[in-house]
């Protein structure tokens, strides 16, 4: 591969990787943005069916008996603290 073609290929790959990084970052941040009002509702009532809690930090929360049917919990921290 000639030096000129190699430089064009490298620039093309850098642009492609940059675009993929930006797209992945945008997707990750949108997938983990929980609704603070929904989190407060869960804390106040123990019920939050169909709530958006994606990406919320629920570590150590007592969720025994909580109604979370249909709630978005993708990316939520559900670790139990002992």
PDB file of N, CA and C in Angstrom:
ATOM      1  N   UNK A   1       0.861  -1.171   0.000  1.00  0.00           N
ATOM      2  CA  UNK A   1       0.000   0.000   0.000  1.00  0.00           C
ATOM      3  C   UNK A   1       0.906   1.232   0.000  1.00  0.00           C
ATOM      4  N   UNK A   2       0.622   2.158  -0.886  1.00  0.00           N
ATOM      5  CA  UNK A   2       1.458   3.355  -0.957  1.00  0.00           C
ATOM      6  C   UNK A   2       1.212   4.229   0.268  1.00  0.00           C
ATOM      7  N   UNK A   3       2.152   5.078   0.535  1.00  0.00           N
ATOM      8  CA  UNK A   3       2.077   5.944   1.712  1.00  0.00           C
ATOM      9  C   UNK A   3       0.869   6.867   1.660  1.00  0.00           C
ATOM     10  N   UNK A   4       0.539   7.398   0.473  1.00  0.00           N
ATOM     11  CA  UNK A   4      -0.629   8.268   0.328  1.00  0.00           C
ATOM     12  C   UNK A   4      -1.925   7.533   0.600  1.00  0.00           C
ATOM     13  N   UNK A   5      -2.062   6.315   0.068  1.00  0.00           N
ATOM     14  CA  UNK A   5      -3.258   5.506   0.308  1.00  0.00           C
ATOM     15  C   UNK A   5      -3.364   5.111   1.771  1.00  0.00           C
ATOM     16  N   UNK A   6      -2.243   4.826   2.378  1.00  0.00           N
ATOM     17  CA  UNK A   6      -2.239   4.446   3.785  1.00  0.00           C
ATOM     18  C   UNK A   6      -2.711   5.611   4.660  1.00  0.00           C
ATOM     19  N   UNK A   7      -2.288   6.819   4.353  1.00  0.00           N
ATOM     20  CA  UNK A   7      -2.718   7.989   5.106  1.00  0.00           C
ATOM     21  C   UNK A   7      -4.222   8.214   4.965  1.00  0.00           C
ATOM     22  N   UNK A   8      -4.747   8.042   3.756  1.00  0.00           N
ATOM     23  CA  UNK A   8      -6.186   8.201   3.526  1.00  0.00           C
ATOM     24  C   UNK A   8      -6.955   7.143   4.307  1.00  0.00           C
ATOM     25  N   UNK A   9      -6.457   5.916   4.304  1.00  0.00           N
ATOM     26  CA  UNK A   9      -7.120   4.818   5.022  1.00  0.00           C
ATOM     27  C   UNK A   9      -7.124   5.098   6.526  1.00  0.00           C
ATOM     28  N   UNK A  10      -6.007   5.566   7.060  1.00  0.00           N
ATOM     29  CA  UNK A  10      -5.903   5.858   8.497  1.00  0.00           C
ATOM     30  C   UNK A  10      -6.874   6.972   8.868  1.00  0.00           C
ATOM     31  N   UNK A  11      -6.939   8.031   8.078  1.00  0.00           N
ATOM     32  CA  UNK A  11      -7.878   9.124   8.353  1.00  0.00           C
ATOM     33  C   UNK A  11      -9.318   8.638   8.292  1.00  0.00           C
ATOM     34  N   UNK A  12      -9.617   7.788   7.335  1.00  0.00           N
ATOM     35  CA  UNK A  12     -10.966   7.237   7.212  1.00  0.00           C
ATOM     36  C   UNK A  12     -11.320   6.400   8.442  1.00  0.00           C
ATOM     37  N   UNK A  13     -10.391   5.586   8.911  1.00  0.00           N
ATOM     38  CA  UNK A  13     -10.636   4.755  10.090  1.00  0.00           C
ATOM     39  C   UNK A  13     -10.799   5.620  11.337  1.00  0.00           C
ATOM     40  N   UNK A  14     -10.023   6.683  11.461  1.00  0.00           N
ATOM     41  CA  UNK A  14     -10.147   7.583  12.609  1.00  0.00           C
ATOM     42  C   UNK A  14     -11.527   8.236  12.628  1.00  0.00           C
ATOM     43  N   UNK A  15     -11.989   8.672  11.472  1.00  0.00           N
ATOM     44  CA  UNK A  15     -13.317   9.282  11.391  1.00  0.00           C
ATOM     45  C   UNK A  15     -14.404   8.281  11.742  1.00  0.00           C
ATOM     46  N   UNK A  16     -14.267   7.067  11.228  1.00  0.00           N
ATOM     47  CA  UNK A  16     -15.250   6.020  11.513  1.00  0.00           C
ATOM     48  C   UNK A  16     -15.285   5.698  13.001  1.00  0.00           C
ATOM     49  N   UNK A  17     -14.132   5.536  13.616  1.00  0.00           N
ATOM     50  CA  UNK A  17     -14.071   5.237  15.044  1.00  0.00           C
ATOM     51  C   UNK A  17     -14.603   6.388  15.882  1.00  0.00           C
ATOM     52  N   UNK A  18     -14.329   7.617  15.477  1.00  0.00           N
ATOM     53  CA  UNK A  18     -14.854   8.776  16.192  1.00  0.00           C
ATOM     54  C   UNK A  18     -16.375   8.800  16.120  1.00  0.00           C
ATOM     55  N   UNK A  19     -16.925   8.558  14.934  1.00  0.00           N
ATOM     56  CA  UNK A  19     -18.381   8.540  14.761  1.00  0.00           C
ATOM     57  C   UNK A  19     -19.011   7.436  15.603  1.00  0.00           C
ATOM     58  N   UNK A  20     -18.401   6.263  15.629  1.00  0.00           N
ATOM     59  CA  UNK A  20     -18.934   5.161  16.430  1.00  0.00           C
ATOM     60  C   UNK A  20     -18.873   5.479  17.922  1.00  0.00           C
ATOM     61  N   UNK A  21     -17.808   6.113  18.360  1.00  0.00           N
ATOM     62  CA  UNK A  21     -17.677   6.487  19.769  1.00  0.00           C
ATOM     63  C   UNK A  21     -18.743   7.494  20.167  1.00  0.00           C
ATOM     64  N   UNK A  22     -18.957   8.488  19.331  1.00  0.00           N
ATOM     65  CA  UNK A  22     -19.980   9.501  19.617  1.00  0.00           C
ATOM     66  C   UNK A  22     -21.360   8.853  19.658  1.00  0.00           C
ATOM     67  N   UNK A  23     -21.659   7.986  18.702  1.00  0.00           N
ATOM     68  CA  UNK A  23     -22.963   7.318  18.669  1.00  0.00           C
ATOM     69  C   UNK A  23     -23.163   6.441  19.904  1.00  0.00           C
ATOM     70  N   UNK A  24     -22.147   5.698  20.308  1.00  0.00           N
ATOM     71  CA  UNK A  24     -22.256   4.830  21.482  1.00  0.00           C
ATOM     72  C   UNK A  24     -22.455   5.647  22.747  1.00  0.00           C
ATOM     73  N   UNK A  25     -21.770   6.769  22.852  1.00  0.00           N
ATOM     74  CA  UNK A  25     -21.911   7.635  24.022  1.00  0.00           C
ATOM     75  C   UNK A  25     -23.313   8.218  24.103  1.00  0.00           C
ATOM     76  N   UNK A  26     -23.842   8.658  22.974  1.00  0.00           N
ATOM     77  CA  UNK A  26     -25.191   9.219  22.960  1.00  0.00           C
ATOM     78  C   UNK A  26     -26.217   8.159  23.336  1.00  0.00           C
ATOM     79  N   UNK A  27     -26.057   6.935  22.821  1.00  0.00           N
ATOM     80  CA  UNK A  27     -26.988   5.862  23.132  1.00  0.00           C
ATOM     81  C   UNK A  27     -26.915   5.503  24.605  1.00  0.00           C
ATOM     82  N   UNK A  28     -25.713   5.409  25.135  1.00  0.00           N
ATOM     83  CA  UNK A  28     -25.546   5.025  26.544  1.00  0.00           C
ATOM     84  C   UNK A  28     -26.146   6.062  27.475  1.00  0.00           C
ATOM     85  N   UNK A  29     -25.952   7.327  27.181  1.00  0.00           N
ATOM     86  CA  UNK A  29     -26.481   8.347  28.077  1.00  0.00           C
ATOM     87  C   UNK A  29     -27.995   8.429  27.999  1.00  0.00           C
ATOM     88  N   UNK A  30     -28.574   8.179  26.827  1.00  0.00           N
ATOM     89  CA  UNK A  30     -30.033   8.241  26.735  1.00  0.00           C
ATOM     90  C   UNK A  30     -30.668   7.014  27.373  1.00  0.00           C
ATOM     91  N   UNK A  31     -29.963   5.893  27.376  1.00  0.00           N
ATOM     92  CA  UNK A  31     -30.514   4.684  27.946  1.00  0.00           C
ATOM     93  C   UNK A  31     -30.471   4.684  29.448  1.00  0.00           C
ATOM     94  N   UNK A  32     -29.652   5.523  30.054  1.00  0.00           N
ATOM     95  CA  UNK A  32     -29.502   5.501  31.482  1.00  0.00           C
ATOM     96  C   UNK A  32     -30.056   6.722  32.188  1.00  0.00           C
ATOM     97  N   UNK A  33     -30.871   7.498  31.528  1.00  0.00           N
ATOM     98  CA  UNK A  33     -31.415   8.708  32.141  1.00  0.00           C
ATOM     99  C   UNK A  33     -32.760   8.403  32.793  1.00  0.00           C
ATOM    100  N   UNK A  34     -32.756   8.147  34.101  1.00  0.00           N
ATOM    101  CA  UNK A  34     -33.995   7.851  34.814  1.00  0.00           C
ATOM    102  C   UNK A  34     -34.744   9.137  35.118  1.00  0.00           C
ATOM    103  N   UNK A  35     -36.012   9.002  35.411  1.00  0.00           N
ATOM    104  CA  UNK A  35     -36.852  10.148  35.758  1.00  0.00           C
ATOM    105  C   UNK A  35     -36.789  10.350  37.278  1.00  0.00           C
ATOM    106  N   UNK A  36     -36.239  11.466  37.753  1.00  0.00           N
ATOM    107  CA  UNK A  36     -36.118  11.701  39.195  1.00  0.00           C
ATOM    108  C   UNK A  36     -37.473  11.662  39.914  1.00  0.00           C
ATOM    109  N   UNK A  37     -38.537  12.088  39.245  1.00  0.00           N
ATOM    110  CA  UNK A  37     -39.869  12.038  39.863  1.00  0.00           C
ATOM    111  C   UNK A  37     -40.300  10.593  40.095  1.00  0.00           C
ATOM    112  N   UNK A  38     -39.937   9.704  39.146  1.00  0.00           N
ATOM    113  CA  UNK A  38     -40.268   8.290  39.308  1.00  0.00           C
ATOM    114  C   UNK A  38     -39.505   7.688  40.484  1.00  0.00           C
ATOM    115  N   UNK A  39     -38.235   8.061  40.629  1.00  0.00           N
ATOM    116  CA  UNK A  39     -37.439   7.554  41.751  1.00  0.00           C
ATOM    117  C   UNK A  39     -38.036   8.026  43.072  1.00  0.00           C
ATOM    118  N   UNK A  40     -38.455   9.261  43.143  1.00  0.00           N
ATOM    119  CA  UNK A  40     -39.070   9.782  44.366  1.00  0.00           C
ATOM    120  C   UNK A  40     -40.387   9.065  44.656  1.00  0.00           C
ATOM    121  N   UNK A  41     -41.152   8.792  43.617  1.00  0.00           N
ATOM    122  CA  UNK A  41     -42.417   8.065  43.776  1.00  0.00           C
ATOM    123  C   UNK A  41     -42.162   6.688  44.378  1.00  0.00           C
ATOM    124  N   UNK A  42     -41.124   6.003  43.892  1.00  0.00           N
ATOM    125  CA  UNK A  42     -40.771   4.687  44.431  1.00  0.00           C
ATOM    126  C   UNK A  42     -40.394   4.800  45.899  1.00  0.00           C
ATOM    127  N   UNK A  43     -39.597   5.804  46.240  1.00  0.00           N
ATOM    128  CA  UNK A  43     -39.176   5.987  47.634  1.00  0.00           C
ATOM    129  C   UNK A  43     -40.365   6.305  48.541  1.00  0.00           C
ATOM    130  N   UNK A  44     -41.292   7.110  48.049  1.00  0.00           N
ATOM    131  CA  UNK A  44     -42.432   7.538  48.863  1.00  0.00           C
ATOM    132  C   UNK A  44     -43.495   6.460  49.039  1.00  0.00           C
ATOM    133  N   UNK A  45     -43.756   5.700  47.979  1.00  0.00           N
ATOM    134  CA  UNK A  45     -44.899   4.780  47.999  1.00  0.00           C
ATOM    135  C   UNK A  45     -44.538   3.304  47.906  1.00  0.00           C
ATOM    136  N   UNK A  46     -43.336   3.010  47.435  1.00  0.00           N
ATOM    137  CA  UNK A  46     -42.972   1.612  47.213  1.00  0.00           C
ATOM    138  C   UNK A  46     -43.638   1.042  45.970  1.00  0.00           C
ATOM    139  N   UNK A  47     -44.267   1.899  45.194  1.00  0.00           N
ATOM    140  CA  UNK A  47     -44.932   1.476  43.962  1.00  0.00           C
ATOM    141  C   UNK A  47     -44.455   2.371  42.829  1.00  0.00           C
ATOM    142  N   UNK A  48     -44.130   1.743  41.732  1.00  0.00           N
ATOM    143  CA  UNK A  48     -43.686   2.546  40.591  1.00  0.00           C
ATOM    144  C   UNK A  48     -43.810   1.723  39.312  1.00  0.00           C
ATOM    145  N   UNK A  49     -44.999   1.178  39.090  1.00  0.00           N
ATOM    146  CA  UNK A  49     -45.243   0.406  37.873  1.00  0.00           C
ATOM    147  C   UNK A  49     -45.086   1.316  36.668  1.00  0.00           C
ATOM    148  N   UNK A  50     -44.473   0.820  35.651  1.00  0.00           N
ATOM    149  CA  UNK A  50     -44.189   1.501  34.373  1.00  0.00           C
ATOM    150  C   UNK A  50     -43.311   2.744  34.530  1.00  0.00           C
ATOM    151  N   UNK A  51     -42.599   2.855  35.627  1.00  0.00           N
ATOM    152  CA  UNK A  51     -41.700   3.997  35.830  1.00  0.00           C
ATOM    153  C   UNK A  51     -40.420   3.838  35.021  1.00  0.00           C
ATOM    154  N   UNK A  52     -39.740   4.952  34.786  1.00  0.00           N
ATOM    155  CA  UNK A  52     -38.440   4.940  34.127  1.00  0.00           C
ATOM    156  C   UNK A  52     -37.361   5.083  35.190  1.00  0.00           C
ATOM    157  N   UNK A  53     -36.760   3.950  35.550  1.00  0.00           N
ATOM    158  CA  UNK A  53     -35.690   3.930  36.545  1.00  0.00           C
ATOM    159  C   UNK A  53     -34.377   3.458  35.928  1.00  0.00           C
ATOM    160  N   UNK A  54     -34.297   3.496  34.603  1.00  0.00           N
ATOM    161  CA  UNK A  54     -33.099   3.061  33.896  1.00  0.00           C
ATOM    162  C   UNK A  54     -31.883   3.862  34.324  1.00  0.00           C
ATOM    163  N   UNK A  55     -30.865   3.179  34.821  1.00  0.00           N
ATOM    164  CA  UNK A  55     -29.632   3.824  35.251  1.00  0.00           C
ATOM    165  C   UNK A  55     -29.668   4.380  36.660  1.00  0.00           C
ATOM    166  N   UNK A  56     -30.778   4.242  37.360  1.00  0.00           N
ATOM    167  CA  UNK A  56     -30.887   4.776  38.724  1.00  0.00           C
ATOM    168  C   UNK A  56     -30.047   3.944  39.690  1.00  0.00           C
ATOM    169  N   UNK A  57     -29.533   4.585  40.719  1.00  0.00           N
ATOM    170  CA  UNK A  57     -28.781   3.879  41.765  1.00  0.00           C
ATOM    171  C   UNK A  57     -29.764   3.428  42.839  1.00  0.00           C
ATOM    172  N   UNK A  58     -30.114   2.152  42.787  1.00  0.00           N
ATOM    173  CA  UNK A  58     -31.034   1.570  43.760  1.00  0.00           C
ATOM    174  C   UNK A  58     -30.292   0.638  44.711  1.00  0.00           C
ATOM    175  N   UNK A  59     -28.960   0.752  44.751  1.00  0.00           N
ATOM    176  CA  UNK A  59     -28.173  -0.137  45.604  1.00  0.00           C
ATOM    177  C   UNK A  59     -28.570   0.072  47.061  1.00  0.00           C
ATOM    178  N   UNK A  60     -28.806  -1.022  47.736  1.00  0.00           N
ATOM    179  CA  UNK A  60     -29.168  -0.980  49.140  1.00  0.00           C
ATOM    180  C   UNK A  60     -30.619  -0.635  49.413  1.00  0.00           C
ATOM    181  N   UNK A  61     -31.396  -0.338  48.383  1.00  0.00           N
ATOM    182  CA  UNK A  61     -32.809  -0.002  48.590  1.00  0.00           C
ATOM    183  C   UNK A  61     -33.589  -1.259  48.966  1.00  0.00           C
ATOM    184  N   UNK A  62     -34.494  -1.130  49.905  1.00  0.00           N
ATOM    185  CA  UNK A  62     -35.356  -2.247  50.281  1.00  0.00           C
ATOM    186  C   UNK A  62     -36.510  -2.292  49.294  1.00  0.00           C
ATOM    187  N   UNK A  63     -36.424  -3.199  48.328  1.00  0.00           N
ATOM    188  CA  UNK A  63     -37.433  -3.301  47.289  1.00  0.00           C
ATOM    189  C   UNK A  63     -38.397  -4.463  47.537  1.00  0.00           C
ATOM    190  N   UNK A  64     -38.313  -5.060  48.729  1.00  0.00           N
ATOM    191  CA  UNK A  64     -39.230  -6.141  49.079  1.00  0.00           C
ATOM    192  C   UNK A  64     -40.659  -5.620  49.083  1.00  0.00           C
ATOM    193  N   UNK A  65     -41.510  -6.204  48.294  1.00  0.00           N
ATOM    194  CA  UNK A  65     -42.904  -5.788  48.213  1.00  0.00           C
ATOM    195  C   UNK A  65     -43.149  -4.621  47.271  1.00  0.00           C
ATOM    196  N   UNK A  66     -42.103  -4.090  46.655  1.00  0.00           N
ATOM    197  CA  UNK A  66     -42.278  -2.969  45.724  1.00  0.00           C
ATOM    198  C   UNK A  66     -42.927  -3.459  44.434  1.00  0.00           C
ATOM    199  N   UNK A  67     -43.815  -2.665  43.882  1.00  0.00           N
ATOM    200  CA  UNK A  67     -44.442  -2.983  42.598  1.00  0.00           C
ATOM    201  C   UNK A  67     -43.677  -2.243  41.510  1.00  0.00           C
ATOM    202  N   UNK A  68     -42.894  -2.995  40.750  1.00  0.00           N
ATOM    203  CA  UNK A  68     -42.114  -2.428  39.660  1.00  0.00           C
ATOM    204  C   UNK A  68     -42.496  -3.062  38.324  1.00  0.00           C
ATOM    205  N   UNK A  69     -43.710  -3.568  38.232  1.00  0.00           N
ATOM    206  CA  UNK A  69     -44.127  -4.232  36.997  1.00  0.00           C
ATOM    207  C   UNK A  69     -44.120  -3.246  35.836  1.00  0.00           C
ATOM    208  N   UNK A  70     -43.447  -3.631  34.776  1.00  0.00           N
ATOM    209  CA  UNK A  70     -43.368  -2.793  33.594  1.00  0.00           C
ATOM    210  C   UNK A  70     -42.391  -1.638  33.705  1.00  0.00           C
ATOM    211  N   UNK A  71     -41.674  -1.536  34.822  1.00  0.00           N
ATOM    212  CA  UNK A  71     -40.717  -0.437  34.998  1.00  0.00           C
ATOM    213  C   UNK A  71     -39.464  -0.690  34.172  1.00  0.00           C
ATOM    214  N   UNK A  72     -38.853   0.381  33.681  1.00  0.00           N
ATOM    215  CA  UNK A  72     -37.581   0.289  32.977  1.00  0.00           C
ATOM    216  C   UNK A  72     -36.476   0.285  34.020  1.00  0.00           C
ATOM    217  N   UNK A  73     -35.802  -0.855  34.158  1.00  0.00           N
ATOM    218  CA  UNK A  73     -34.705  -0.987  35.128  1.00  0.00           C
ATOM    219  C   UNK A  73     -33.366  -1.228  34.428  1.00  0.00           C
ATOM    220  N   UNK A  74     -33.324  -1.016  33.105  1.00  0.00           N
ATOM    221  CA  UNK A  74     -32.093  -1.286  32.368  1.00  0.00           C
ATOM    222  C   UNK A  74     -30.978  -0.368  32.858  1.00  0.00           C
ATOM    223  N   UNK A  75     -29.872  -0.965  33.213  1.00  0.00           N
ATOM    224  CA  UNK A  75     -28.722  -0.206  33.685  1.00  0.00           C
ATOM    225  C   UNK A  75     -28.835   0.271  35.124  1.00  0.00           C
ATOM    226  N   UNK A  76     -29.923  -0.057  35.801  1.00  0.00           N
ATOM    227  CA  UNK A  76     -30.071   0.360  37.191  1.00  0.00           C
ATOM    228  C   UNK A  76     -29.139  -0.453  38.078  1.00  0.00           C
ATOM    229  N   UNK A  77     -28.623   0.169  39.120  1.00  0.00           N
ATOM    230  CA  UNK A  77     -27.762  -0.516  40.088  1.00  0.00           C
ATOM    231  C   UNK A  77     -28.685  -1.140  41.124  1.00  0.00           C
ATOM    232  N   UNK A  78     -28.790  -2.470  41.088  1.00  0.00           N
ATOM    233  CA  UNK A  78     -29.670  -3.200  41.994  1.00  0.00           C
ATOM    234  C   UNK A  78     -28.884  -4.015  43.011  1.00  0.00           C
ATOM    235  N   UNK A  79     -27.621  -3.644  43.237  1.00  0.00           N
ATOM    236  CA  UNK A  79     -26.798  -4.394  44.183  1.00  0.00           C
ATOM    237  C   UNK A  79     -27.356  -4.343  45.583  1.00  0.00           C
ATOM    238  N   UNK A  80     -27.302  -5.481  46.243  1.00  0.00           N
ATOM    239  CA  UNK A  80     -27.747  -5.559  47.635  1.00  0.00           C
ATOM    240  C   UNK A  80     -26.519  -5.307  48.507  1.00  0.00           C
ATOM    241  N   UNK A  81     -26.636  -4.363  49.406  1.00  0.00           N
ATOM    242  CA  UNK A  81     -25.536  -4.066  50.334  1.00  0.00           C
ATOM    243  C   UNK A  81     -25.739  -4.869  51.601  1.00  0.00           C
ATOM    244  N   UNK A  82     -24.680  -5.523  52.039  1.00  0.00           N
ATOM    245  CA  UNK A  82     -24.783  -6.355  53.230  1.00  0.00           C
ATOM    246  C   UNK A  82     -23.994  -5.729  54.354  1.00  0.00           C
TER     247      UNK A  82
END
